N, C-alpha and C. Protein backbone atom coordinates (compact mmCIF):
# COMPACT_ATOMS: atom_id res chain seq x y z
N UNK A 1 -10.68 3.48 25.49
CA UNK A 1 -11.98 4.04 25.18
C UNK A 1 -12.05 4.35 23.69
N UNK A 2 -13.24 4.25 23.11
CA UNK A 2 -13.44 4.62 21.72
C UNK A 2 -14.60 5.59 21.63
N UNK A 3 -14.40 6.66 20.87
CA UNK A 3 -15.43 7.65 20.65
C UNK A 3 -15.35 8.08 19.20
N UNK A 4 -16.42 7.91 18.45
CA UNK A 4 -16.48 8.35 17.05
C UNK A 4 -15.28 7.83 16.26
N UNK A 5 -14.89 6.57 16.50
CA UNK A 5 -13.78 5.98 15.78
C UNK A 5 -12.42 6.27 16.40
N UNK A 6 -12.38 7.07 17.46
CA UNK A 6 -11.12 7.38 18.12
C UNK A 6 -10.80 6.30 19.14
N UNK A 7 -9.56 5.82 19.13
CA UNK A 7 -9.12 4.83 20.11
C UNK A 7 -7.82 5.32 20.74
N UNK A 8 -7.89 5.63 22.03
CA UNK A 8 -6.68 6.09 22.72
C UNK A 8 -5.61 5.02 22.76
N UNK A 9 -6.02 3.76 22.86
CA UNK A 9 -5.06 2.66 22.90
C UNK A 9 -4.33 2.51 21.55
N UNK A 10 -5.07 2.56 20.45
CA UNK A 10 -4.45 2.43 19.12
C UNK A 10 -3.53 3.61 18.83
N UNK A 11 -3.95 4.79 19.22
CA UNK A 11 -3.12 5.98 19.01
C UNK A 11 -1.80 5.84 19.77
N UNK A 12 -1.87 5.42 21.02
CA UNK A 12 -0.66 5.25 21.83
C UNK A 12 0.26 4.19 21.23
N UNK A 13 -0.30 3.08 20.79
CA UNK A 13 0.49 2.00 20.19
C UNK A 13 1.17 2.48 18.92
N UNK A 14 0.46 3.21 18.10
CA UNK A 14 1.01 3.74 16.85
C UNK A 14 2.18 4.69 17.13
N UNK A 15 1.98 5.61 18.06
CA UNK A 15 3.05 6.55 18.39
C UNK A 15 4.24 5.87 19.04
N UNK A 16 4.00 4.81 19.82
CA UNK A 16 5.11 4.05 20.39
C UNK A 16 5.94 3.40 19.29
N UNK A 17 5.27 2.85 18.28
CA UNK A 17 5.99 2.24 17.16
C UNK A 17 6.85 3.29 16.46
N UNK A 18 6.27 4.45 16.19
CA UNK A 18 7.01 5.52 15.51
C UNK A 18 8.17 5.99 16.38
N UNK A 19 7.90 6.22 17.66
CA UNK A 19 8.94 6.69 18.56
C UNK A 19 10.10 5.72 18.68
N UNK A 20 9.78 4.43 18.78
CA UNK A 20 10.83 3.40 18.87
C UNK A 20 11.64 3.33 17.59
N UNK A 21 10.97 3.43 16.45
CA UNK A 21 11.67 3.38 15.15
C UNK A 21 12.60 4.57 14.99
N UNK A 22 12.12 5.75 15.34
CA UNK A 22 12.96 6.95 15.22
C UNK A 22 14.14 6.85 16.16
N UNK A 23 13.89 6.42 17.38
CA UNK A 23 14.96 6.31 18.36
C UNK A 23 16.01 5.27 17.93
N UNK A 24 15.56 4.18 17.37
CA UNK A 24 16.47 3.09 17.01
C UNK A 24 17.17 3.32 15.67
N UNK A 25 16.39 3.73 14.64
CA UNK A 25 16.93 3.79 13.28
C UNK A 25 17.07 5.19 12.71
N UNK A 26 16.42 6.18 13.32
CA UNK A 26 16.46 7.54 12.79
C UNK A 26 15.56 7.72 11.58
N UNK A 27 14.72 6.73 11.30
CA UNK A 27 13.81 6.82 10.16
C UNK A 27 12.62 5.89 10.38
N UNK A 28 11.59 6.11 9.60
CA UNK A 28 10.40 5.27 9.61
C UNK A 28 10.32 4.60 8.24
N UNK A 29 10.10 3.30 8.22
CA UNK A 29 9.97 2.59 6.96
C UNK A 29 8.49 2.44 6.64
N UNK A 30 8.08 2.89 5.48
CA UNK A 30 6.69 2.80 5.05
C UNK A 30 6.65 2.11 3.70
N UNK A 31 5.46 1.78 3.25
CA UNK A 31 5.32 1.15 1.94
C UNK A 31 5.66 2.13 0.81
N UNK A 32 5.72 3.41 1.13
CA UNK A 32 6.03 4.43 0.12
C UNK A 32 7.50 4.84 0.15
N UNK A 33 8.28 4.25 1.02
CA UNK A 33 9.69 4.60 1.13
C UNK A 33 10.03 5.07 2.53
N UNK A 34 11.29 5.35 2.75
CA UNK A 34 11.76 5.79 4.06
C UNK A 34 11.35 7.22 4.34
N UNK A 35 11.05 7.50 5.59
CA UNK A 35 10.82 8.86 6.06
C UNK A 35 11.88 9.14 7.12
N UNK A 36 12.80 10.03 6.82
CA UNK A 36 13.85 10.37 7.78
C UNK A 36 13.26 11.16 8.93
N UNK A 37 13.93 11.13 10.09
CA UNK A 37 13.37 11.79 11.27
C UNK A 37 13.16 13.28 11.08
N UNK A 38 13.99 13.94 10.27
CA UNK A 38 13.79 15.38 10.06
C UNK A 38 12.62 15.67 9.13
N UNK A 39 12.12 14.66 8.42
CA UNK A 39 10.96 14.82 7.54
C UNK A 39 9.67 14.36 8.22
N UNK A 40 9.82 13.66 9.33
CA UNK A 40 8.68 13.00 9.96
C UNK A 40 7.56 13.96 10.30
N UNK A 41 7.87 15.10 10.87
CA UNK A 41 6.82 15.99 11.39
C UNK A 41 6.00 16.63 10.28
N UNK A 42 6.50 16.60 9.04
CA UNK A 42 5.77 17.14 7.90
C UNK A 42 5.06 16.04 7.10
N UNK A 43 5.34 14.78 7.42
CA UNK A 43 4.77 13.66 6.69
C UNK A 43 3.26 13.61 6.91
N UNK A 44 2.49 13.35 5.85
CA UNK A 44 1.03 13.37 5.94
C UNK A 44 0.51 12.38 6.98
N UNK A 45 1.16 11.23 7.13
CA UNK A 45 0.70 10.25 8.12
C UNK A 45 0.86 10.76 9.54
N UNK A 46 1.99 11.40 9.83
CA UNK A 46 2.23 11.94 11.17
C UNK A 46 1.28 13.10 11.45
N UNK A 47 1.04 13.92 10.44
CA UNK A 47 0.10 15.03 10.58
C UNK A 47 -1.29 14.50 10.92
N UNK A 48 -1.71 13.41 10.27
CA UNK A 48 -3.02 12.81 10.57
C UNK A 48 -3.07 12.26 11.99
N UNK A 49 -1.98 11.66 12.43
CA UNK A 49 -1.92 11.15 13.81
C UNK A 49 -2.06 12.29 14.81
N UNK A 50 -1.40 13.41 14.53
CA UNK A 50 -1.51 14.57 15.43
C UNK A 50 -2.92 15.13 15.44
N UNK A 51 -3.61 15.10 14.30
CA UNK A 51 -5.01 15.54 14.26
C UNK A 51 -5.88 14.63 15.13
N UNK A 52 -5.63 13.31 15.05
CA UNK A 52 -6.36 12.37 15.91
C UNK A 52 -6.07 12.65 17.39
N UNK A 53 -4.81 12.94 17.69
CA UNK A 53 -4.44 13.25 19.07
C UNK A 53 -5.16 14.50 19.56
N UNK A 54 -5.17 15.53 18.75
CA UNK A 54 -5.89 16.77 19.13
C UNK A 54 -7.37 16.49 19.37
N UNK A 55 -7.96 15.62 18.54
CA UNK A 55 -9.36 15.24 18.74
C UNK A 55 -9.52 14.56 20.10
N UNK A 56 -8.62 13.63 20.42
CA UNK A 56 -8.71 12.89 21.68
C UNK A 56 -8.51 13.76 22.90
N UNK A 57 -7.80 14.88 22.73
CA UNK A 57 -7.54 15.77 23.86
C UNK A 57 -8.66 16.78 24.08
N UNK A 58 -9.65 16.78 23.21
CA UNK A 58 -10.77 17.71 23.38
C UNK A 58 -11.59 17.34 24.62
N UNK A 59 -12.24 18.33 25.15
CA UNK A 59 -13.10 18.11 26.31
C UNK A 59 -14.26 17.19 25.91
N UNK A 60 -14.57 16.24 26.78
CA UNK A 60 -15.68 15.34 26.53
C UNK A 60 -15.28 14.05 25.83
N UNK A 61 -14.04 13.95 25.37
CA UNK A 61 -13.56 12.72 24.73
C UNK A 61 -12.78 11.92 25.78
N UNK A 62 -13.14 10.66 25.93
CA UNK A 62 -12.46 9.80 26.91
C UNK A 62 -11.06 9.46 26.42
N UNK A 63 -10.09 9.66 27.30
CA UNK A 63 -8.70 9.33 27.00
C UNK A 63 -8.10 8.82 28.29
N UNK A 64 -7.93 7.51 28.38
CA UNK A 64 -7.44 6.89 29.60
C UNK A 64 -6.06 7.44 29.97
N UNK A 65 -5.85 7.73 31.23
CA UNK A 65 -4.59 8.32 31.69
C UNK A 65 -3.37 7.47 31.31
N UNK A 66 -3.50 6.17 31.39
CA UNK A 66 -2.40 5.28 31.04
C UNK A 66 -1.97 5.49 29.58
N UNK A 67 -2.95 5.56 28.68
CA UNK A 67 -2.64 5.75 27.26
C UNK A 67 -2.15 7.17 26.99
N UNK A 68 -2.65 8.12 27.74
CA UNK A 68 -2.15 9.50 27.61
C UNK A 68 -0.67 9.55 27.98
N UNK A 69 -0.29 8.87 29.03
CA UNK A 69 1.12 8.83 29.42
C UNK A 69 1.96 8.13 28.36
N UNK A 70 1.44 7.06 27.77
CA UNK A 70 2.15 6.35 26.69
C UNK A 70 2.38 7.28 25.51
N UNK A 71 1.38 8.07 25.16
CA UNK A 71 1.50 9.01 24.04
C UNK A 71 2.58 10.05 24.33
N UNK A 72 2.57 10.59 25.53
CA UNK A 72 3.56 11.62 25.88
C UNK A 72 4.97 11.04 25.80
N UNK A 73 5.17 9.84 26.34
CA UNK A 73 6.50 9.21 26.29
C UNK A 73 6.92 8.91 24.85
N UNK A 74 5.98 8.46 24.03
CA UNK A 74 6.29 8.14 22.63
C UNK A 74 6.67 9.40 21.86
N UNK A 75 5.95 10.49 22.08
CA UNK A 75 6.28 11.74 21.39
C UNK A 75 7.65 12.25 21.82
N UNK A 76 8.02 11.99 23.06
CA UNK A 76 9.34 12.37 23.54
C UNK A 76 10.42 11.64 22.75
N UNK A 77 10.18 10.37 22.44
CA UNK A 77 11.17 9.60 21.67
C UNK A 77 11.33 10.14 20.25
N UNK A 78 10.27 10.70 19.68
CA UNK A 78 10.37 11.26 18.33
C UNK A 78 11.01 12.64 18.33
N UNK A 79 11.17 13.22 19.54
CA UNK A 79 11.70 14.57 19.72
C UNK A 79 10.76 15.65 19.18
N UNK A 80 9.47 15.30 19.09
CA UNK A 80 8.47 16.26 18.64
C UNK A 80 8.12 17.18 19.80
N UNK A 81 8.14 18.48 19.54
CA UNK A 81 7.80 19.46 20.57
C UNK A 81 6.74 20.40 20.01
N UNK A 82 5.69 20.61 20.80
CA UNK A 82 4.62 21.50 20.39
C UNK A 82 3.97 22.06 21.64
N UNK A 83 4.09 23.36 21.82
CA UNK A 83 3.57 24.02 23.02
C UNK A 83 2.05 23.87 23.13
N UNK A 84 1.36 23.95 22.00
CA UNK A 84 -0.10 23.80 22.01
C UNK A 84 -0.50 22.42 22.53
N UNK A 85 0.18 21.36 22.06
CA UNK A 85 -0.13 20.01 22.54
C UNK A 85 0.20 19.85 24.02
N UNK A 86 1.30 20.44 24.47
CA UNK A 86 1.64 20.37 25.89
C UNK A 86 0.53 21.00 26.74
N UNK A 87 0.03 22.13 26.29
CA UNK A 87 -1.07 22.80 27.00
C UNK A 87 -2.30 21.90 27.02
N UNK A 88 -2.59 21.27 25.87
CA UNK A 88 -3.76 20.40 25.77
C UNK A 88 -3.61 19.17 26.67
N UNK A 89 -2.39 18.62 26.79
CA UNK A 89 -2.16 17.49 27.69
C UNK A 89 -2.50 17.88 29.13
N UNK A 90 -2.00 19.04 29.56
CA UNK A 90 -2.26 19.48 30.93
C UNK A 90 -3.74 19.76 31.15
N UNK A 91 -4.40 20.35 30.17
CA UNK A 91 -5.84 20.60 30.30
C UNK A 91 -6.62 19.30 30.41
N UNK A 92 -6.23 18.29 29.62
CA UNK A 92 -6.91 17.00 29.66
C UNK A 92 -6.72 16.33 31.02
N UNK A 93 -5.49 16.36 31.52
CA UNK A 93 -5.23 15.79 32.84
C UNK A 93 -6.02 16.53 33.92
N UNK A 94 -6.07 17.85 33.81
CA UNK A 94 -6.82 18.65 34.77
C UNK A 94 -8.30 18.29 34.74
N UNK A 95 -8.86 18.11 33.54
CA UNK A 95 -10.26 17.73 33.40
C UNK A 95 -10.52 16.37 34.05
N UNK A 96 -9.59 15.44 33.85
CA UNK A 96 -9.79 14.09 34.36
C UNK A 96 -9.61 14.01 35.87
N UNK A 97 -8.82 14.93 36.43
CA UNK A 97 -8.60 14.92 37.88
C UNK A 97 -9.62 15.75 38.64
N UNK A 98 -10.41 16.52 37.92
CA UNK A 98 -11.42 17.37 38.53
C UNK A 98 -12.35 16.55 39.42
N UNK A 99 -12.45 16.95 40.66
CA UNK A 99 -13.37 16.29 41.59
C UNK A 99 -12.85 15.00 42.19
N UNK A 100 -11.61 14.63 41.92
CA UNK A 100 -11.05 13.39 42.49
C UNK A 100 -10.15 13.72 43.66
N UNK A 101 -10.11 12.81 44.61
CA UNK A 101 -9.19 12.98 45.74
C UNK A 101 -7.88 12.25 45.42
N UNK A 102 -6.85 12.51 46.19
CA UNK A 102 -5.55 11.87 45.97
C UNK A 102 -5.62 10.35 46.11
N UNK A 103 -6.54 9.84 46.92
CA UNK A 103 -6.65 8.40 47.11
C UNK A 103 -7.16 7.71 45.84
N UNK A 104 -7.88 8.46 44.98
CA UNK A 104 -8.43 7.87 43.76
C UNK A 104 -7.40 7.75 42.64
N UNK A 105 -6.26 8.40 42.78
CA UNK A 105 -5.28 8.47 41.70
C UNK A 105 -4.26 7.35 41.85
N UNK A 106 -4.14 6.52 40.79
CA UNK A 106 -3.20 5.41 40.81
C UNK A 106 -1.90 5.85 40.14
N UNK A 107 -0.75 5.45 40.69
CA UNK A 107 0.53 5.80 40.05
C UNK A 107 0.74 5.01 38.76
N UNK A 108 1.58 5.52 37.88
CA UNK A 108 1.88 4.87 36.61
C UNK A 108 3.09 3.96 36.77
N UNK A 109 3.01 3.00 37.69
CA UNK A 109 4.13 2.08 37.93
C UNK A 109 4.52 1.31 36.68
N UNK A 110 3.54 0.94 35.85
CA UNK A 110 3.83 0.16 34.65
C UNK A 110 4.74 0.94 33.71
N UNK A 111 4.58 2.25 33.66
CA UNK A 111 5.39 3.06 32.75
C UNK A 111 6.77 3.34 33.29
N UNK A 112 6.88 3.53 34.58
CA UNK A 112 8.18 3.90 35.16
C UNK A 112 9.11 2.71 35.33
N UNK A 113 8.58 1.49 35.25
CA UNK A 113 9.42 0.31 35.42
C UNK A 113 9.98 -0.22 34.11
N UNK A 114 9.69 0.41 32.99
CA UNK A 114 10.21 -0.06 31.68
C UNK A 114 11.59 0.43 31.42
């Protein structure tokens, strides 16, 4: 989904790239030089990505469950922890499940089989 320039798919793909790089190499390679994993969370690019994520987690913004799960798994690979974001993830999931029955909910088989 895209809203006001926000793309849940692009955000998830970007975070997956970062998470995989941190997990594999312990650093991110950019055109401006290396960013070590302990510097990552303060890097302006990562801060901007987190701002986009917070925007996507707001009420009324479409964020497909599949891409939300991809984002959560990617952030886990970077070892980024933030209680506020965790709360926002649960609130977003709660909003999306509001009024749905268990039969309407599809499992994330694609994510668990990787």
